Amino acid sequence: MSNHSSHSRIRLVLAQFCVAHSLDIEELYEALGIKIGDANAEALAHMAGLIDGMNIAAARIKEHGLHQWTKDI
């Protein structure tokens, strides 16, 4: 059995980290050297979905707190 986290769990932890350190998700991608403008259309659509999901999670964590962020979903 693997001890690796699922991709969705990793994205959630990253969103929590960004909230805790007041980091913008898009700025994080830029800091990691990911240039959204240079990505192909399929990769760009996938990254946009990930960014949107992480932004929603981060906003809900800020609003409801870490343990209640899924409340009323």
PDB file of N, CA and C in Angstrom:
ATOM      1  N   MET A   1       0.835  -1.179   0.000  1.00  0.00           N
ATOM      2  CA  MET A   1       0.000   0.000   0.000  1.00  0.00           C
ATOM      3  C   MET A   1       0.885   1.248   0.000  1.00  0.00           C
ATOM      4  N   SER A   2       0.496   2.218  -0.794  1.00  0.00           N
ATOM      5  CA  SER A   2       1.270   3.439  -0.956  1.00  0.00           C
ATOM      6  C   SER A   2       0.955   4.447   0.145  1.00  0.00           C
ATOM      7  N   ASN A   3       1.972   5.177   0.544  1.00  0.00           N
ATOM      8  CA  ASN A   3       1.796   6.241   1.529  1.00  0.00           C
ATOM      9  C   ASN A   3       1.656   7.603   0.855  1.00  0.00           C
ATOM     10  N   HIS A   4       1.556   7.624  -0.477  1.00  0.00           N
ATOM     11  CA  HIS A   4       1.462   8.884  -1.215  1.00  0.00           C
ATOM     12  C   HIS A   4       0.069   9.486  -1.090  1.00  0.00           C
ATOM     13  N   SER A   5       0.032  10.804  -1.001  1.00  0.00           N
ATOM     14  CA  SER A   5      -1.235  11.511  -0.961  1.00  0.00           C
ATOM     15  C   SER A   5      -1.840  11.556  -2.356  1.00  0.00           C
ATOM     16  N   SER A   6      -3.164  11.611  -2.418  1.00  0.00           N
ATOM     17  CA  SER A   6      -3.825  11.774  -3.702  1.00  0.00           C
ATOM     18  C   SER A   6      -3.561  13.185  -4.215  1.00  0.00           C
ATOM     19  N   HIS A   7      -3.752  13.375  -5.500  1.00  0.00           N
ATOM     20  CA  HIS A   7      -3.541  14.698  -6.089  1.00  0.00           C
ATOM     21  C   HIS A   7      -4.496  15.722  -5.483  1.00  0.00           C
ATOM     22  N   SER A   8      -5.739  15.327  -5.238  1.00  0.00           N
ATOM     23  CA  SER A   8      -6.693  16.275  -4.650  1.00  0.00           C
ATOM     24  C   SER A   8      -6.274  16.653  -3.236  1.00  0.00           C
ATOM     25  N   ARG A   9      -5.735  15.708  -2.476  1.00  0.00           N
ATOM     26  CA  ARG A   9      -5.259  15.997  -1.114  1.00  0.00           C
ATOM     27  C   ARG A   9      -4.067  16.952  -1.157  1.00  0.00           C
ATOM     28  N   ILE A  10      -3.175  16.746  -2.093  1.00  0.00           N
ATOM     29  CA  ILE A  10      -2.018  17.637  -2.230  1.00  0.00           C
ATOM     30  C   ILE A  10      -2.484  19.054  -2.575  1.00  0.00           C
ATOM     31  N   ARG A  11      -3.474  19.166  -3.482  1.00  0.00           N
ATOM     32  CA  ARG A  11      -3.987  20.498  -3.839  1.00  0.00           C
ATOM     33  C   ARG A  11      -4.634  21.162  -2.631  1.00  0.00           C
ATOM     34  N   LEU A  12      -5.358  20.398  -1.823  1.00  0.00           N
ATOM     35  CA  LEU A  12      -5.984  20.959  -0.624  1.00  0.00           C
ATOM     36  C   LEU A  12      -4.930  21.460   0.357  1.00  0.00           C
ATOM     37  N   VAL A  13      -3.913  20.679   0.595  1.00  0.00           N
ATOM     38  CA  VAL A  13      -2.843  21.085   1.509  1.00  0.00           C
ATOM     39  C   VAL A  13      -2.142  22.333   0.979  1.00  0.00           C
ATOM     40  N   LEU A  14      -1.925  22.379  -0.336  1.00  0.00           N
ATOM     41  CA  LEU A  14      -1.298  23.551  -0.931  1.00  0.00           C
ATOM     42  C   LEU A  14      -2.187  24.785  -0.771  1.00  0.00           C
ATOM     43  N   ALA A  15      -3.502  24.622  -0.954  1.00  0.00           N
ATOM     44  CA  ALA A  15      -4.426  25.739  -0.749  1.00  0.00           C
ATOM     45  C   ALA A  15      -4.369  26.210   0.704  1.00  0.00           C
ATOM     46  N   GLN A  16      -4.322  25.268   1.646  1.00  0.00           N
ATOM     47  CA  GLN A  16      -4.230  25.621   3.066  1.00  0.00           C
ATOM     48  C   GLN A  16      -2.934  26.382   3.342  1.00  0.00           C
ATOM     49  N   PHE A  17      -1.846  25.931   2.752  1.00  0.00           N
ATOM     50  CA  PHE A  17      -0.554  26.607   2.912  1.00  0.00           C
ATOM     51  C   PHE A  17      -0.635  28.036   2.388  1.00  0.00           C
ATOM     52  N   CYS A  18      -1.247  28.197   1.214  1.00  0.00           N
ATOM     53  CA  CYS A  18      -1.357  29.524   0.621  1.00  0.00           C
ATOM     54  C   CYS A  18      -2.185  30.451   1.502  1.00  0.00           C
ATOM     55  N   VAL A  19      -3.260  29.941   2.084  1.00  0.00           N
ATOM     56  CA  VAL A  19      -4.069  30.748   3.001  1.00  0.00           C
ATOM     57  C   VAL A  19      -3.241  31.130   4.219  1.00  0.00           C
ATOM     58  N   ALA A  20      -2.551  30.169   4.794  1.00  0.00           N
ATOM     59  CA  ALA A  20      -1.778  30.420   6.014  1.00  0.00           C
ATOM     60  C   ALA A  20      -0.674  31.456   5.800  1.00  0.00           C
ATOM     61  N   HIS A  21      -0.170  31.539   4.564  1.00  0.00           N
ATOM     62  CA  HIS A  21       0.947  32.447   4.286  1.00  0.00           C
ATOM     63  C   HIS A  21       0.562  33.607   3.373  1.00  0.00           C
ATOM     64  N   SER A  22      -0.735  33.798   3.187  1.00  0.00           N
ATOM     65  CA  SER A  22      -1.256  34.901   2.366  1.00  0.00           C
ATOM     66  C   SER A  22      -0.635  34.929   0.972  1.00  0.00           C
ATOM     67  N   LEU A  23      -0.548  33.762   0.359  1.00  0.00           N
ATOM     68  CA  LEU A  23      -0.004  33.653  -0.995  1.00  0.00           C
ATOM     69  C   LEU A  23      -1.139  33.513  -2.005  1.00  0.00           C
ATOM     70  N   ASP A  24      -1.003  34.180  -3.136  1.00  0.00           N
ATOM     71  CA  ASP A  24      -1.947  34.048  -4.234  1.00  0.00           C
ATOM     72  C   ASP A  24      -1.542  32.829  -5.064  1.00  0.00           C
ATOM     73  N   ILE A  25      -2.514  32.002  -5.442  1.00  0.00           N
ATOM     74  CA  ILE A  25      -2.226  30.770  -6.181  1.00  0.00           C
ATOM     75  C   ILE A  25      -1.507  31.062  -7.492  1.00  0.00           C
ATOM     76  N   GLU A  26      -1.972  32.055  -8.222  1.00  0.00           N
ATOM     77  CA  GLU A  26      -1.342  32.374  -9.505  1.00  0.00           C
ATOM     78  C   GLU A  26       0.085  32.872  -9.309  1.00  0.00           C
ATOM     79  N   GLU A  27       0.340  33.634  -8.240  1.00  0.00           N
ATOM     80  CA  GLU A  27       1.697  34.084  -7.944  1.00  0.00           C
ATOM     81  C   GLU A  27       2.595  32.902  -7.584  1.00  0.00           C
ATOM     82  N   LEU A  28       2.011  31.899  -6.929  1.00  0.00           N
ATOM     83  CA  LEU A  28       2.769  30.698  -6.609  1.00  0.00           C
ATOM     84  C   LEU A  28       3.230  30.003  -7.887  1.00  0.00           C
ATOM     85  N   TYR A  29       2.313  29.825  -8.838  1.00  0.00           N
ATOM     86  CA  TYR A  29       2.687  29.213 -10.116  1.00  0.00           C
ATOM     87  C   TYR A  29       3.808  30.004 -10.784  1.00  0.00           C
ATOM     88  N   GLU A  30       3.689  31.330 -10.785  1.00  0.00           N
ATOM     89  CA  GLU A  30       4.703  32.176 -11.400  1.00  0.00           C
ATOM     90  C   GLU A  30       6.045  32.009 -10.689  1.00  0.00           C
ATOM     91  N   ALA A  31       6.016  31.959  -9.359  1.00  0.00           N
ATOM     92  CA  ALA A  31       7.241  31.788  -8.583  1.00  0.00           C
ATOM     93  C   ALA A  31       7.915  30.445  -8.866  1.00  0.00           C
ATOM     94  N   LEU A  32       7.091  29.442  -9.212  1.00  0.00           N
ATOM     95  CA  LEU A  32       7.631  28.119  -9.540  1.00  0.00           C
ATOM     96  C   LEU A  32       8.128  28.039 -10.985  1.00  0.00           C
ATOM     97  N   GLY A  33       8.001  29.143 -11.710  1.00  0.00           N
ATOM     98  CA  GLY A  33       8.481  29.183 -13.081  1.00  0.00           C
ATOM     99  C   GLY A  33       7.483  28.667 -14.099  1.00  0.00           C
ATOM    100  N   ILE A  34       6.226  28.543 -13.694  1.00  0.00           N
ATOM    101  CA  ILE A  34       5.188  28.073 -14.607  1.00  0.00           C
ATOM    102  C   ILE A  34       4.614  29.291 -15.312  1.00  0.00           C
ATOM    103  N   LYS A  35       4.838  29.350 -16.608  1.00  0.00           N
ATOM    104  CA  LYS A  35       4.350  30.469 -17.407  1.00  0.00           C
ATOM    105  C   LYS A  35       3.086  30.030 -18.119  1.00  0.00           C
ATOM    106  N   ILE A  36       1.962  30.483 -17.605  1.00  0.00           N
ATOM    107  CA  ILE A  36       0.680  30.051 -18.124  1.00  0.00           C
ATOM    108  C   ILE A  36       0.532  30.401 -19.605  1.00  0.00           C
ATOM    109  N   GLY A  37       1.065  31.529 -20.011  1.00  0.00           N
ATOM    110  CA  GLY A  37       0.974  31.943 -21.412  1.00  0.00           C
ATOM    111  C   GLY A  37       1.721  31.042 -22.373  1.00  0.00           C
ATOM    112  N   ASP A  38       2.702  30.276 -21.876  1.00  0.00           N
ATOM    113  CA  ASP A  38       3.482  29.389 -22.725  1.00  0.00           C
ATOM    114  C   ASP A  38       2.922  27.978 -22.799  1.00  0.00           C
ATOM    115  N   ALA A  39       1.886  27.682 -22.037  1.00  0.00           N
ATOM    116  CA  ALA A  39       1.326  26.331 -22.006  1.00  0.00           C
ATOM    117  C   ALA A  39       0.432  26.096 -23.221  1.00  0.00           C
ATOM    118  N   ASN A  40       0.336  24.829 -23.642  1.00  0.00           N
ATOM    119  CA  ASN A  40      -0.587  24.527 -24.741  1.00  0.00           C
ATOM    120  C   ASN A  40      -2.021  24.615 -24.221  1.00  0.00           C
ATOM    121  N   ALA A  41      -2.986  24.643 -25.128  1.00  0.00           N
ATOM    122  CA  ALA A  41      -4.382  24.894 -24.758  1.00  0.00           C
ATOM    123  C   ALA A  41      -4.913  23.856 -23.773  1.00  0.00           C
ATOM    124  N   GLU A  42      -4.597  22.584 -23.978  1.00  0.00           N
ATOM    125  CA  GLU A  42      -5.096  21.535 -23.081  1.00  0.00           C
ATOM    126  C   GLU A  42      -4.501  21.680 -21.683  1.00  0.00           C
ATOM    127  N   ALA A  43      -3.204  21.908 -21.614  1.00  0.00           N
ATOM    128  CA  ALA A  43      -2.547  22.087 -20.314  1.00  0.00           C
ATOM    129  C   ALA A  43      -3.062  23.350 -19.632  1.00  0.00           C
ATOM    130  N   LEU A  44      -3.268  24.405 -20.404  1.00  0.00           N
ATOM    131  CA  LEU A  44      -3.766  25.655 -19.843  1.00  0.00           C
ATOM    132  C   LEU A  44      -5.165  25.483 -19.265  1.00  0.00           C
ATOM    133  N   ALA A  45      -6.039  24.761 -19.959  1.00  0.00           N
ATOM    134  CA  ALA A  45      -7.387  24.510 -19.455  1.00  0.00           C
ATOM    135  C   ALA A  45      -7.332  23.700 -18.162  1.00  0.00           C
ATOM    136  N   HIS A  46      -6.451  22.709 -18.111  1.00  0.00           N
ATOM    137  CA  HIS A  46      -6.306  21.893 -16.905  1.00  0.00           C
ATOM    138  C   HIS A  46      -5.795  22.743 -15.743  1.00  0.00           C
ATOM    139  N   MET A  47      -4.762  23.554 -15.983  1.00  0.00           N
ATOM    140  CA  MET A  47      -4.210  24.406 -14.934  1.00  0.00           C
ATOM    141  C   MET A  47      -5.244  25.425 -14.458  1.00  0.00           C
ATOM    142  N   ALA A  48      -6.046  25.957 -15.381  1.00  0.00           N
ATOM    143  CA  ALA A  48      -7.071  26.925 -14.989  1.00  0.00           C
ATOM    144  C   ALA A  48      -8.079  26.272 -14.046  1.00  0.00           C
ATOM    145  N   GLY A  49      -8.453  25.033 -14.345  1.00  0.00           N
ATOM    146  CA  GLY A  49      -9.368  24.311 -13.457  1.00  0.00           C
ATOM    147  C   GLY A  49      -8.765  24.089 -12.081  1.00  0.00           C
ATOM    148  N   LEU A  50      -7.489  23.745 -12.045  1.00  0.00           N
ATOM    149  CA  LEU A  50      -6.814  23.549 -10.761  1.00  0.00           C
ATOM    150  C   LEU A  50      -6.731  24.851  -9.976  1.00  0.00           C
ATOM    151  N   ILE A  51      -6.365  25.928 -10.665  1.00  0.00           N
ATOM    152  CA  ILE A  51      -6.269  27.230  -9.993  1.00  0.00           C
ATOM    153  C   ILE A  51      -7.625  27.646  -9.447  1.00  0.00           C
ATOM    154  N   ASP A  52      -8.680  27.477 -10.253  1.00  0.00           N
ATOM    155  CA  ASP A  52     -10.025  27.830  -9.788  1.00  0.00           C
ATOM    156  C   ASP A  52     -10.406  27.025  -8.545  1.00  0.00           C
ATOM    157  N   GLY A  53     -10.172  25.719  -8.594  1.00  0.00           N
ATOM    158  CA  GLY A  53     -10.501  24.863  -7.451  1.00  0.00           C
ATOM    159  C   GLY A  53      -9.729  25.245  -6.205  1.00  0.00           C
ATOM    160  N   MET A  54      -8.447  25.548  -6.372  1.00  0.00           N
ATOM    161  CA  MET A  54      -7.632  25.933  -5.222  1.00  0.00           C
ATOM    162  C   MET A  54      -8.060  27.290  -4.688  1.00  0.00           C
ATOM    163  N   ASN A  55      -8.424  28.211  -5.581  1.00  0.00           N
ATOM    164  CA  ASN A  55      -8.898  29.519  -5.128  1.00  0.00           C
ATOM    165  C   ASN A  55     -10.204  29.382  -4.350  1.00  0.00           C
ATOM    166  N   ILE A  56     -11.104  28.516  -4.825  1.00  0.00           N
ATOM    167  CA  ILE A  56     -12.367  28.291  -4.114  1.00  0.00           C
ATOM    168  C   ILE A  56     -12.090  27.683  -2.742  1.00  0.00           C
ATOM    169  N   ALA A  57     -11.226  26.672  -2.698  1.00  0.00           N
ATOM    170  CA  ALA A  57     -10.894  26.043  -1.416  1.00  0.00           C
ATOM    171  C   ALA A  57     -10.263  27.061  -0.472  1.00  0.00           C
ATOM    172  N   ALA A  58      -9.341  27.861  -0.985  1.00  0.00           N
ATOM    173  CA  ALA A  58      -8.675  28.858  -0.139  1.00  0.00           C
ATOM    174  C   ALA A  58      -9.677  29.876   0.400  1.00  0.00           C
ATOM    175  N   ALA A  59     -10.600  30.330  -0.434  1.00  0.00           N
ATOM    176  CA  ALA A  59     -11.608  31.299   0.015  1.00  0.00           C
ATOM    177  C   ALA A  59     -12.505  30.685   1.086  1.00  0.00           C
ATOM    178  N   ARG A  60     -12.896  29.425   0.891  1.00  0.00           N
ATOM    179  CA  ARG A  60     -13.762  28.770   1.866  1.00  0.00           C
ATOM    180  C   ARG A  60     -13.024  28.504   3.176  1.00  0.00           C
ATOM    181  N   ILE A  61     -11.739  28.195   3.112  1.00  0.00           N
ATOM    182  CA  ILE A  61     -10.948  28.011   4.333  1.00  0.00           C
ATOM    183  C   ILE A  61     -10.886  29.323   5.100  1.00  0.00           C
ATOM    184  N   LYS A  62     -10.672  30.429   4.390  1.00  0.00           N
ATOM    185  CA  LYS A  62     -10.647  31.739   5.042  1.00  0.00           C
ATOM    186  C   LYS A  62     -11.996  32.055   5.684  1.00  0.00           C
ATOM    187  N   GLU A  63     -13.076  31.714   4.988  1.00  0.00           N
ATOM    188  CA  GLU A  63     -14.422  32.050   5.450  1.00  0.00           C
ATOM    189  C   GLU A  63     -14.893  31.171   6.603  1.00  0.00           C
ATOM    190  N   HIS A  64     -14.664  29.859   6.492  1.00  0.00           N
ATOM    191  CA  HIS A  64     -15.230  28.913   7.456  1.00  0.00           C
ATOM    192  C   HIS A  64     -14.203  28.264   8.386  1.00  0.00           C
ATOM    193  N   GLY A  65     -12.925  28.472   8.126  1.00  0.00           N
ATOM    194  CA  GLY A  65     -11.897  27.838   8.934  1.00  0.00           C
ATOM    195  C   GLY A  65     -11.506  26.481   8.372  1.00  0.00           C
ATOM    196  N   LEU A  66     -10.396  25.978   8.817  1.00  0.00           N
ATOM    197  CA  LEU A  66      -9.814  24.753   8.280  1.00  0.00           C
ATOM    198  C   LEU A  66     -10.719  23.542   8.433  1.00  0.00           C
ATOM    199  N   HIS A  67     -11.386  23.410   9.543  1.00  0.00           N
ATOM    200  CA  HIS A  67     -12.165  22.206   9.799  1.00  0.00           C
ATOM    201  C   HIS A  67     -13.613  22.302   9.336  1.00  0.00           C
ATOM    202  N   GLN A  68     -14.060  23.471   8.965  1.00  0.00           N
ATOM    203  CA  GLN A  68     -15.454  23.657   8.535  1.00  0.00           C
ATOM    204  C   GLN A  68     -15.565  24.149   7.095  1.00  0.00           C
ATOM    205  N   TRP A  69     -14.471  24.120   6.329  1.00  0.00           N
ATOM    206  CA  TRP A  69     -14.467  24.737   5.012  1.00  0.00           C
ATOM    207  C   TRP A  69     -15.401  24.068   4.011  1.00  0.00           C
ATOM    208  N   THR A  70     -15.789  22.814   4.247  1.00  0.00           N
ATOM    209  CA  THR A  70     -16.699  22.147   3.325  1.00  0.00           C
ATOM    210  C   THR A  70     -18.157  22.341   3.720  1.00  0.00           C
ATOM    211  N   LYS A  71     -18.388  23.081   4.770  1.00  0.00           N
ATOM    212  CA  LYS A  71     -19.744  23.327   5.267  1.00  0.00           C
ATOM    213  C   LYS A  71     -20.604  23.962   4.170  1.00  0.00           C
ATOM    214  N   ASP A  72     -21.824  23.453   4.008  1.00  0.00           N
ATOM    215  CA  ASP A  72     -22.807  24.003   3.062  1.00  0.00           C
ATOM    216  C   ASP A  72     -22.383  23.873   1.601  1.00  0.00           C
ATOM    217  N   ILE A  73     -21.607  22.881   1.281  1.00  0.00           N
ATOM    218  CA  ILE A  73     -21.237  22.678  -0.134  1.00  0.00           C
ATOM    219  C   ILE A  73     -22.265  21.780  -0.767  1.00  0.00           C
TER     220      ILE A  73
END
